């Protein structure tokens, strides 16, 4: 009975991966017309996952980067916009919502599985006023599903999301006065290569 339950879980995860495979919004970086060599040239080398990681799928994201106004740690009289968290929906190549992205940073699929990551490298985005491109390494997982084996995540093709250009002051400080800046990105998810 346990073996049947595991097989059913595996089939459900495989079905979800097939639905996500090659997934990215229509506006995403990876059109099928591009070859792998051209794609590799777009991504800075320090954002490349280790050779032991294999691309599993990509998802487009649309949502907000959330900022709060806070005092600088080295100058309590000066205030700056401070990043709080992302809040976005994840889309497959058909434009269907297949998950969400939120504080942690965490990515969660509709199957309940999730991966939390930590930044290991960053690069300035080619687009003006866009948040940086990132390489993240998984720090924890929850659930048995599509995100349960992810080891690395890339954030690429960012548009928007940068901190507000207009400064803030003590009248804007506090959690209740957060500012949401719209953004889009492509997230690439990697898992361990078979040994």
Foldseek 3Di string as FASTA:
>chain_A
DVVVVVVVLVVVQVVLLVQFAQWEAPPDDDDVVDDPVVVVVVDDPVQDDDPQKDWSGKWKKKFWFKWAWAADPVGNQFIFTDTDKTWIFTATHVRDGFWIAMPLRKTAGPVGKIWGWDFDDWDCAPDPQWDIKTKTATDDMDDRHNHHFWGIKIKHDKDHHHGDPDGDGPVRGDPVNMDIMIMMTMMITIGGDDD
